[in-house]
Protein backbone atom coordinates (compact mmCIF):
# COMPACT_ATOMS: atom_id res chain seq x y z
CA UNK A 1 -66.70 45.01 3.75
CA UNK A 2 -70.06 46.27 2.97
CA UNK A 3 -72.56 45.66 0.22
CA UNK A 4 -74.20 48.42 -1.40
CA UNK A 5 -75.91 48.99 -4.87
CA UNK A 6 -77.37 45.72 -5.89
CA UNK A 7 -74.72 43.46 -4.35
CA UNK A 8 -71.59 45.52 -5.28
CA UNK A 9 -68.98 44.78 -2.77
CA UNK A 10 -67.12 47.91 -1.30
CA UNK A 11 -64.92 48.98 1.56
CA UNK A 12 -64.19 52.35 3.15
CA UNK A 13 -61.25 54.23 1.99
CA UNK A 14 -58.69 55.10 4.78
CA UNK A 15 -57.66 58.37 3.64
CA UNK A 16 -61.15 59.93 2.77
CA UNK A 17 -63.62 57.55 4.45
CA UNK A 18 -65.87 57.33 1.24
CA UNK A 19 -67.01 53.83 -0.09
CA UNK A 20 -64.96 52.34 -2.80
CA UNK A 21 -65.38 49.15 -4.89
CA UNK A 22 -63.36 46.50 -3.08
CA UNK A 23 -61.35 45.74 -6.29
CA UNK A 24 -59.93 49.31 -6.58
CA UNK A 25 -56.47 49.61 -5.64
CA UNK A 26 -56.58 53.44 -5.54
CA UNK A 27 -59.59 55.32 -4.31
CA UNK A 28 -61.13 57.38 -7.18
CA UNK A 29 -62.14 60.25 -4.64
CA UNK A 30 -58.67 61.09 -3.34
CA UNK A 31 -55.83 59.20 -5.00
CA UNK A 32 -54.64 62.37 -6.65
CA UNK A 33 -55.05 64.53 -3.55
CA UNK A 34 -52.56 65.59 -1.10
CA UNK A 35 -53.08 64.25 2.47
CA UNK A 36 -54.25 67.55 3.64
CA UNK A 37 -56.83 67.71 0.86
CA UNK A 38 -58.00 64.19 1.40
CA UNK A 39 -58.52 65.17 5.17
CA UNK A 40 -60.31 68.21 3.85
CA UNK A 41 -62.56 65.94 1.84
CA UNK A 42 -63.28 63.60 4.62
CA UNK A 43 -64.24 66.60 6.96
CA UNK A 44 -66.37 67.83 4.49
CA UNK A 45 -68.12 64.63 3.73
CA UNK A 46 -68.71 64.01 7.59
CA UNK A 47 -70.14 67.54 7.96
CA UNK A 48 -72.48 66.92 4.87
CA UNK A 49 -73.53 63.70 6.31
CA UNK A 50 -74.37 65.27 9.71
CA UNK A 51 -76.42 68.14 8.17
CA UNK A 52 -78.32 65.43 6.08
CA UNK A 53 -79.08 63.37 9.28
CA UNK A 54 -80.23 66.34 11.18
CA UNK A 55 -82.52 67.34 8.48
CA UNK A 56 -83.92 63.82 8.39
CA UNK A 57 -84.60 63.98 12.08
CA UNK A 58 -86.53 67.30 11.64
CA UNK A 59 -88.52 65.68 9.14
CA UNK A 60 -89.52 62.87 11.15
CA UNK A 61 -90.56 65.09 13.97
CA UNK A 62 -92.64 67.13 11.93
CA UNK A 63 -94.30 63.87 10.43
CA UNK A 64 -94.73 62.58 13.85
CA UNK A 65 -96.61 65.91 15.04
CA UNK A 66 -98.83 65.78 11.93
CA UNK A 67 -99.74 62.21 12.37
CA UNK A 68 -100.37 62.73 16.24
CA UNK A 69 -102.84 65.72 15.22
CA UNK A 70 -104.50 63.53 12.66
CA UNK A 71 -105.05 60.64 15.13
CA UNK A 72 -106.37 63.07 17.87
CA UNK A 73 -108.63 64.70 15.20
CA UNK A 74 -110.06 61.26 14.09
CA UNK A 75 -110.44 60.29 17.74
CA UNK A 76 -112.47 63.35 18.59
CA UNK A 77 -114.83 63.08 15.58
C-alpha cells in the first residue's frame, strides 16, 4: 500500500497496474475493459512511463553539462 496525494492511501491494480484508492472495490481504469484491453492499457502505461523517465534522464544530463561548463567558466575567470 502506498500513500500519494496528501495522505490518500492507494494500491496498485493487479490488472492494469495503475494506482487506485484502497477503498475502491473495482479499478476505475479497467473495470469495464476486457482482459486483453486491460493488458494493452498496462503495456501502454509502462511504455509511457519509460519514455518519461528517459526524457527526464536526458534533461538531467543536459543540466549537469551546463552546470559543469558554468563552474569551469567561473573557475577560469
